[in-house]
Amino acid sequence: MSEPETKGVGVTTTIVSEDEAGMRVDRWFKRRYPTLALSHLAKICRKGEVRVDGKRVETSTRLEEGQKVRVPPLKIEAPASPAVKRASPEDVEAIRRMTLFEDKDLMVLNKPFGLATQGGSGQTRHVDGMLESLAKGDSRPVLVHRLDRDTSGVLLVAKNRRMAADLGEIFRSRQAEKIYWALVEGVPKPTQGRISLYLAKGPGMEKRRGAGRDLEKMRIAKHGDADAQHSLTYYAIVDKVAPRCAWLSMKPLTGRTHQLRAHAEAIGHPIFGDPKYGHRPEDDVRRRDPLRAMPEGLERKLHLLARRLVLPHPKGGTLDVTAPLPEHMKKSWELFGFDVKQYDPIEDAPDA
């Protein structure tokens, strides 16, 4: 990391390093000044006291390597209880066991069921926090995308900020092909289809049993509704046990919150083990349709796997990584006689 050059009393100019390229201004400041209040940063940005290459910037402005950041005198809050961060051997080993692929620029993890990707309400252990154990100086691995806590499978991690920015652009430009496997209630018709809907955060909150906290649920919206975002998924049935269930392969072309779970519910075939989308009390399910009840032998866990990720590697070539079925889905596949080696028809689905 470059040393700052002093320019006047209390003002410094700092060069953006290669590892910091692509970072937002607010995150750049938070990284260098962890106890800086974001409200104070927003204020000095509005007043034009923070400048990049002599120009005024907003907190959301992204930085490039080699740019000069003017840092005015800051009001730094003293940390309540300074603590020394120590690498956790347990986290290092856990990340090693999760690793499906690794090179000098990135790593692909097989995130297990029940482990959150990032911290949040009630989350004390998560992948992002575990990656801290791999930090070297001011450089540490960076998550490129996210998976829901109960979704298993392929998770991409960049080893530096520059690579994170390059991979992020690949995702934003939809050059990354993501394939998910799910076990759903009933058998969708047609056997291959396209789900195109607008999604928005729902006004109501739904309680997860035993979780002790409210969880937000996405809702189907109309074009033009506040916060509505278009979402598109292609799906194909790989195998089925009619009329009870089907093994779906799903290719999302957009990356909305809970997209596949909400889409599965929207077409009337929710994913097995999903406590939020399409979940109904067991007695009610049996009364309405005994064949759609949770089959005996299936674990009450979300049957959704981020199966495969294919994208151009920023340094050349193609990254193509596949995750195995988690244990609870493996048992279900064996229960229904599904063969993981059979042809996946989603490969023929369009990429746009």
Protein backbone atom coordinates (compact mmCIF):
# COMPACT_ATOMS: atom_id res chain seq x y z
CA MET A 1 0.00 0.00 0.00
CA SER A 2 1.44 3.39 -1.02
CA GLU A 3 2.59 5.85 1.64
CA PRO A 4 0.59 9.11 1.72
CA GLU A 5 2.21 12.39 0.71
CA THR A 6 1.49 15.30 3.09
CA LYS A 7 -0.11 18.32 1.37
CA GLY A 8 -0.72 21.10 3.86
CA VAL A 9 -1.75 20.92 7.50
CA GLY A 10 -3.89 17.87 8.20
CA VAL A 11 -4.46 17.06 4.52
CA THR A 12 -2.93 14.04 2.80
CA THR A 13 -2.95 12.63 -0.70
CA THR A 14 -2.89 8.87 -1.07
CA ILE A 15 -2.35 6.77 -4.19
CA VAL A 16 -4.88 4.02 -4.93
CA SER A 17 -3.05 0.68 -4.98
CA GLU A 18 -3.65 -2.19 -7.42
CA ASP A 19 -5.42 -4.17 -4.68
CA GLU A 20 -7.80 -1.25 -4.11
CA ALA A 21 -8.81 -0.78 -7.75
CA GLY A 22 -12.57 -1.07 -8.22
CA MET A 23 -13.43 -0.20 -4.62
CA ARG A 24 -16.08 2.41 -3.83
CA VAL A 25 -14.91 5.57 -2.09
CA ASP A 26 -16.83 4.74 1.09
CA ARG A 27 -15.34 1.26 1.29
CA TRP A 28 -11.86 2.60 0.54
CA PHE A 29 -12.15 5.02 3.48
CA LYS A 30 -13.65 2.34 5.74
CA ARG A 31 -10.79 0.02 4.92
CA ARG A 32 -8.13 2.63 5.74
CA TYR A 33 -10.03 4.30 8.59
CA PRO A 34 -12.21 1.56 10.16
CA THR A 35 -13.73 3.80 12.85
CA LEU A 36 -14.63 6.66 10.48
CA ALA A 37 -18.36 7.43 10.65
CA LEU A 38 -19.94 7.04 7.22
CA SER A 39 -22.19 10.02 7.93
CA HIS A 40 -19.08 12.19 8.38
CA LEU A 41 -17.60 10.82 5.14
CA ALA A 42 -20.83 11.60 3.25
CA LYS A 43 -20.73 15.16 4.61
CA ILE A 44 -17.15 15.89 3.56
CA CYS A 45 -17.80 14.37 0.13
CA ARG A 46 -20.82 16.66 -0.33
CA LYS A 47 -18.70 19.65 0.66
CA GLY A 48 -16.05 18.66 -1.90
CA GLU A 49 -13.34 18.11 0.68
CA VAL A 50 -12.66 14.61 -0.66
CA ARG A 51 -11.32 14.69 -4.20
CA VAL A 52 -9.95 12.10 -6.61
CA ASP A 53 -7.43 13.41 -9.14
CA GLY A 54 -8.66 16.87 -8.20
CA LYS A 55 -12.34 16.15 -8.92
CA ARG A 56 -15.28 16.02 -6.53
CA VAL A 57 -16.65 12.52 -5.90
CA GLU A 58 -19.56 10.76 -4.27
CA THR A 59 -19.26 7.95 -1.73
CA SER A 60 -20.35 5.49 -4.45
CA THR A 61 -17.62 6.53 -6.93
CA ARG A 62 -15.34 3.64 -7.85
CA LEU A 63 -11.59 4.11 -7.73
CA GLU A 64 -8.92 3.12 -10.23
CA GLU A 65 -5.33 2.11 -9.63
CA GLY A 66 -2.95 5.08 -9.50
CA GLN A 67 -5.58 7.72 -8.77
CA LYS A 68 -4.77 10.30 -6.09
CA VAL A 69 -7.26 10.64 -3.25
CA ARG A 70 -7.27 13.90 -1.29
CA VAL A 71 -8.01 13.09 2.35
CA PRO A 72 -8.98 16.10 4.52
CA PRO A 73 -8.70 16.13 8.33
CA LEU A 74 -11.02 13.39 9.59
CA LYS A 75 -13.07 12.95 12.73
CA ILE A 76 -11.99 9.49 13.75
CA GLU A 77 -13.95 7.73 16.47
CA ALA A 78 -11.96 5.73 18.99
CA PRO A 79 -12.81 2.02 18.81
CA ALA A 80 -14.87 0.86 21.77
CA SER A 81 -12.69 -2.15 22.46
CA PRO A 82 -9.70 -2.55 20.18
CA ALA A 83 -9.01 -6.18 19.46
CA VAL A 84 -6.18 -7.90 17.69
CA LYS A 85 -7.37 -10.01 14.76
CA ARG A 86 -5.79 -13.40 14.69
CA ALA A 87 -5.90 -15.95 11.91
CA SER A 88 -8.07 -18.89 12.83
CA PRO A 89 -6.51 -22.28 12.01
CA GLU A 90 -10.03 -23.76 12.13
CA ASP A 91 -11.27 -21.31 9.50
CA VAL A 92 -8.23 -21.91 7.30
CA GLU A 93 -8.86 -25.64 7.42
CA ALA A 94 -12.60 -25.20 6.79
CA ILE A 95 -11.92 -23.08 3.69
CA ARG A 96 -9.38 -25.67 2.50
CA ARG A 97 -12.00 -28.44 2.78
CA MET A 98 -14.52 -26.33 0.84
CA THR A 99 -12.15 -25.51 -2.02
CA LEU A 100 -13.09 -27.00 -5.40
CA PHE A 101 -10.56 -25.03 -7.45
CA GLU A 102 -7.80 -22.54 -6.75
CA ASP A 103 -5.15 -20.58 -8.62
CA LYS A 104 -3.10 -17.49 -7.77
CA ASP A 105 -5.99 -15.12 -8.60
CA LEU A 106 -9.16 -16.80 -7.37
CA MET A 107 -10.72 -19.75 -5.61
CA VAL A 108 -14.03 -21.58 -5.98
CA LEU A 109 -15.65 -22.92 -2.82
CA ASN A 110 -18.33 -25.54 -2.24
CA LYS A 111 -20.46 -23.71 0.32
CA PRO A 112 -22.28 -26.15 2.61
CA PHE A 113 -25.94 -26.00 3.57
CA GLY A 114 -26.64 -23.74 6.55
CA LEU A 115 -23.50 -21.60 6.35
CA ALA A 116 -24.20 -17.93 5.60
CA THR A 117 -22.20 -16.19 2.88
CA GLN A 118 -22.01 -12.90 4.76
CA GLY A 119 -22.83 -11.63 8.21
CA GLY A 120 -26.31 -10.45 9.11
CA SER A 121 -28.93 -10.61 11.81
CA GLY A 122 -28.11 -13.56 14.06
CA GLN A 123 -25.15 -14.68 11.91
CA THR A 124 -21.96 -15.17 13.89
CA ARG A 125 -20.15 -17.51 11.47
CA HIS A 126 -20.09 -16.93 7.73
CA VAL A 127 -17.83 -17.41 4.71
CA ASP A 128 -16.86 -13.74 4.47
CA GLY A 129 -15.64 -13.75 8.07
CA MET A 130 -13.77 -17.02 7.56
CA LEU A 131 -11.91 -15.54 4.58
CA GLU A 132 -10.33 -13.07 6.99
CA SER A 133 -8.11 -15.94 8.12
CA LEU A 134 -6.46 -15.89 4.66
CA ALA A 135 -5.62 -12.17 4.77
CA LYS A 136 -2.04 -11.14 4.05
CA GLY A 137 -1.31 -7.65 5.31
CA ASP A 138 -3.95 -5.33 3.88
CA SER A 139 -4.94 -7.82 1.17
CA ARG A 140 -7.63 -10.43 1.72
CA PRO A 141 -9.92 -12.63 -0.43
CA VAL A 142 -13.15 -10.98 -1.61
CA LEU A 143 -16.56 -12.55 -2.28
CA VAL A 144 -17.63 -12.07 -5.90
CA HIS A 145 -21.28 -13.10 -5.43
CA ARG A 146 -23.56 -14.58 -2.76
CA LEU A 147 -25.64 -17.66 -2.06
CA ASP A 148 -28.53 -17.93 0.39
CA ARG A 149 -27.57 -19.52 3.70
CA ASP A 150 -29.48 -22.74 2.91
CA THR A 151 -28.34 -22.97 -0.74
CA SER A 152 -25.33 -25.23 -1.22
CA GLY A 153 -22.70 -25.20 -3.93
CA VAL A 154 -20.36 -23.13 -6.08
CA LEU A 155 -19.21 -19.83 -4.59
CA LEU A 156 -16.58 -17.67 -6.33
CA VAL A 157 -13.93 -15.75 -4.36
CA ALA A 158 -11.32 -13.34 -5.72
CA LYS A 159 -7.92 -13.17 -4.03
CA ASN A 160 -7.55 -9.40 -4.47
CA ARG A 161 -9.63 -6.33 -5.21
CA ARG A 162 -8.47 -6.03 -8.82
CA MET A 163 -9.60 -9.57 -9.60
CA ALA A 164 -12.86 -8.95 -7.71
CA ALA A 165 -13.56 -5.94 -9.94
CA ASP A 166 -12.81 -7.94 -13.13
CA LEU A 167 -15.00 -10.85 -12.04
CA GLY A 168 -17.74 -8.49 -10.91
CA GLU A 169 -17.85 -6.97 -14.38
CA ILE A 170 -18.14 -10.46 -15.92
CA PHE A 171 -21.17 -11.12 -13.71
CA ARG A 172 -22.73 -7.72 -14.47
CA SER A 173 -22.32 -8.24 -18.22
CA ARG A 174 -23.95 -11.71 -17.90
CA GLN A 175 -20.93 -13.59 -19.23
CA ALA A 176 -21.12 -15.99 -16.28
CA GLU A 177 -23.28 -19.08 -16.80
CA LYS A 178 -24.82 -20.39 -13.56
CA ILE A 179 -26.64 -23.72 -13.35
CA TYR A 180 -28.63 -24.81 -10.30
CA TRP A 181 -30.27 -28.12 -9.43
CA ALA A 182 -33.47 -28.29 -7.42
CA LEU A 183 -36.00 -30.88 -6.29
CA VAL A 184 -39.49 -29.44 -6.64
CA GLU A 185 -43.02 -30.48 -5.70
CA GLY A 186 -44.97 -31.98 -8.60
CA VAL A 187 -43.93 -31.98 -12.26
CA PRO A 188 -43.86 -28.63 -14.13
CA LYS A 189 -45.37 -28.31 -17.60
CA PRO A 190 -43.90 -27.84 -20.13
CA THR A 191 -40.81 -29.95 -19.44
CA GLN A 192 -38.62 -27.03 -20.48
CA GLY A 193 -39.61 -23.41 -20.00
CA ARG A 194 -38.82 -19.76 -19.41
CA ILE A 195 -39.88 -17.86 -16.29
CA SER A 196 -39.94 -14.09 -16.77
CA LEU A 197 -41.28 -12.07 -13.84
CA TYR A 198 -40.80 -8.84 -11.94
CA LEU A 199 -39.76 -9.29 -8.31
CA ALA A 200 -39.82 -6.84 -5.41
CA LYS A 201 -39.41 -7.07 -1.66
CA GLY A 202 -42.70 -7.97 -0.02
CA PRO A 203 -44.36 -5.68 2.51
CA GLY A 204 -45.10 -8.51 4.91
CA MET A 205 -42.68 -10.44 7.06
CA GLU A 206 -42.73 -14.17 7.55
CA LYS A 207 -41.47 -16.01 10.62
CA ARG A 208 -39.16 -18.98 10.16
CA ARG A 209 -39.94 -21.68 12.70
CA GLY A 210 -37.48 -21.68 15.55
CA ALA A 211 -35.35 -18.92 14.03
CA GLY A 212 -36.55 -16.23 16.40
CA ARG A 213 -36.43 -13.50 13.75
CA ASP A 214 -38.50 -12.15 10.88
CA LEU A 215 -37.44 -12.75 7.32
CA GLU A 216 -38.35 -10.77 4.26
CA LYS A 217 -39.93 -12.50 1.30
CA MET A 218 -39.81 -11.47 -2.36
CA ARG A 219 -43.13 -10.97 -4.11
CA ILE A 220 -44.28 -11.04 -7.71
CA ALA A 221 -44.62 -7.45 -8.93
CA LYS A 222 -45.72 -5.59 -12.03
CA HIS A 223 -43.56 -3.61 -14.40
CA GLY A 224 -43.38 -0.08 -13.05
CA ASP A 225 -44.01 -1.02 -9.42
CA ALA A 226 -41.69 0.54 -6.86
CA ASP A 227 -38.46 -1.48 -6.50
CA ALA A 228 -39.63 -4.02 -9.11
CA GLN A 229 -36.77 -5.72 -10.94
CA HIS A 230 -37.04 -7.99 -13.95
CA SER A 231 -35.94 -11.60 -13.38
CA LEU A 232 -35.44 -14.34 -15.95
CA THR A 233 -34.83 -18.07 -15.47
CA TYR A 234 -34.73 -21.00 -17.88
CA TYR A 235 -35.56 -24.43 -16.49
CA ALA A 236 -35.57 -28.02 -17.73
CA ILE A 237 -36.72 -31.27 -16.14
CA VAL A 238 -33.81 -33.67 -15.89
CA ASP A 239 -35.82 -36.52 -14.31
CA LYS A 240 -39.06 -36.99 -12.40
CA VAL A 241 -41.16 -39.27 -10.24
CA ALA A 242 -44.62 -38.29 -11.47
CA PRO A 243 -46.76 -36.85 -10.03
CA ARG A 244 -44.79 -36.40 -6.83
CA CYS A 245 -41.64 -34.50 -7.72
CA ALA A 246 -39.19 -33.41 -10.39
CA TRP A 247 -35.48 -32.76 -10.59
CA LEU A 248 -35.09 -29.35 -12.22
CA SER A 249 -32.01 -27.82 -13.73
CA MET A 250 -32.31 -24.04 -13.63
CA LYS A 251 -30.31 -21.32 -15.37
CA PRO A 252 -30.88 -17.81 -13.98
CA LEU A 253 -29.97 -15.03 -16.41
CA THR A 254 -30.50 -12.40 -13.74
CA GLY A 255 -29.40 -12.48 -10.11
CA ARG A 256 -32.28 -11.26 -7.96
CA THR A 257 -32.70 -12.06 -4.27
CA HIS A 258 -34.27 -15.52 -3.81
CA GLN A 259 -34.93 -15.60 -7.57
CA LEU A 260 -35.06 -19.36 -8.12
CA ARG A 261 -37.06 -20.00 -4.95
CA ALA A 262 -39.61 -17.32 -5.85
CA HIS A 263 -39.80 -18.51 -9.46
CA ALA A 264 -40.38 -22.13 -8.44
CA GLU A 265 -43.22 -21.03 -6.17
CA ALA A 266 -44.65 -18.77 -8.89
CA ILE A 267 -45.09 -21.66 -11.34
CA GLY A 268 -46.76 -23.76 -8.63
CA HIS A 269 -43.83 -26.10 -7.96
CA PRO A 270 -41.93 -24.86 -4.88
CA ILE A 271 -38.58 -26.35 -3.92
CA PHE A 272 -38.71 -29.11 -1.32
CA GLY A 273 -37.53 -28.03 2.11
CA ASP A 274 -38.07 -24.31 1.49
CA PRO A 275 -39.55 -22.85 4.71
CA LYS A 276 -40.51 -19.56 3.07
CA TYR A 277 -41.61 -20.02 -0.54
CA GLY A 278 -44.52 -22.35 -1.04
CA HIS A 279 -44.20 -23.85 2.43
CA ARG A 280 -47.51 -25.09 3.87
CA PRO A 281 -48.26 -26.90 7.13
CA GLU A 282 -47.78 -30.63 6.60
CA ASP A 283 -51.35 -31.57 7.58
CA ASP A 284 -52.75 -29.05 5.11
CA VAL A 285 -50.56 -30.44 2.32
CA ARG A 286 -51.76 -33.99 2.96
CA ARG A 287 -55.37 -32.90 3.00
CA ARG A 288 -55.11 -31.09 -0.32
CA ASP A 289 -52.78 -33.43 -2.18
CA PRO A 290 -51.21 -36.42 -0.37
CA LEU A 291 -48.76 -37.01 -3.24
CA ARG A 292 -47.30 -33.50 -2.83
CA ALA A 293 -46.52 -33.96 0.88
CA MET A 294 -42.88 -34.18 1.97
CA PRO A 295 -41.97 -37.78 1.01
CA GLU A 296 -40.83 -40.02 3.81
CA GLY A 297 -37.05 -40.14 3.94
CA LEU A 298 -36.48 -36.58 2.65
CA GLU A 299 -34.68 -34.29 5.04
CA ARG A 300 -36.40 -30.98 5.75
CA LYS A 301 -33.62 -28.94 4.19
CA LEU A 302 -33.70 -26.72 1.12
CA HIS A 303 -33.09 -28.89 -1.95
CA LEU A 304 -31.26 -26.25 -4.02
CA LEU A 305 -27.68 -26.56 -5.27
CA ALA A 306 -25.51 -24.07 -7.16
CA ARG A 307 -24.31 -26.92 -9.35
CA ARG A 308 -22.04 -25.34 -11.96
CA LEU A 309 -20.33 -22.05 -12.81
CA VAL A 310 -18.79 -21.32 -16.21
CA LEU A 311 -17.15 -18.01 -17.10
CA PRO A 312 -14.16 -16.50 -18.91
CA HIS A 313 -11.16 -16.29 -16.60
CA PRO A 314 -9.88 -12.68 -16.52
CA LYS A 315 -6.34 -13.97 -17.03
CA GLY A 316 -7.31 -16.16 -20.00
CA GLY A 317 -9.13 -19.42 -20.68
CA THR A 318 -12.39 -20.60 -19.18
CA LEU A 319 -13.29 -21.35 -15.57
CA ASP A 320 -15.70 -24.30 -15.37
CA VAL A 321 -16.38 -25.72 -11.89
CA THR A 322 -19.02 -28.20 -10.69
CA ALA A 323 -20.11 -28.84 -7.10
CA PRO A 324 -21.25 -32.27 -5.83
CA LEU A 325 -24.66 -32.83 -4.26
CA PRO A 326 -24.75 -31.98 -0.55
CA GLU A 327 -25.47 -34.96 1.69
CA HIS A 328 -29.20 -34.28 2.15
CA MET A 329 -29.75 -33.97 -1.63
CA LYS A 330 -27.57 -36.99 -2.32
CA LYS A 331 -29.85 -39.08 -0.09
CA SER A 332 -32.92 -37.77 -1.92
CA TRP A 333 -31.41 -38.52 -5.34
CA GLU A 334 -30.71 -42.08 -4.18
CA LEU A 335 -34.23 -42.36 -2.77
CA PHE A 336 -35.79 -41.49 -6.14
CA GLY A 337 -33.20 -43.31 -8.25
CA PHE A 338 -31.90 -40.19 -9.97
CA ASP A 339 -28.53 -40.51 -11.76
CA VAL A 340 -26.30 -37.44 -11.45
CA LYS A 341 -24.40 -38.52 -14.57
CA GLN A 342 -27.34 -38.27 -16.93
CA TYR A 343 -27.53 -35.52 -19.53
CA ASP A 344 -28.59 -32.09 -18.30
CA PRO A 345 -30.89 -30.51 -20.93
CA ILE A 346 -30.42 -27.00 -19.51
CA GLU A 347 -27.15 -26.89 -21.46
CA ASP A 348 -29.25 -26.26 -24.57
CA ALA A 349 -31.04 -23.26 -23.01
CA PRO A 350 -30.29 -19.78 -24.45
CA ASP A 351 -27.72 -17.52 -22.80
CA ALA A 352 -29.78 -14.39 -23.26
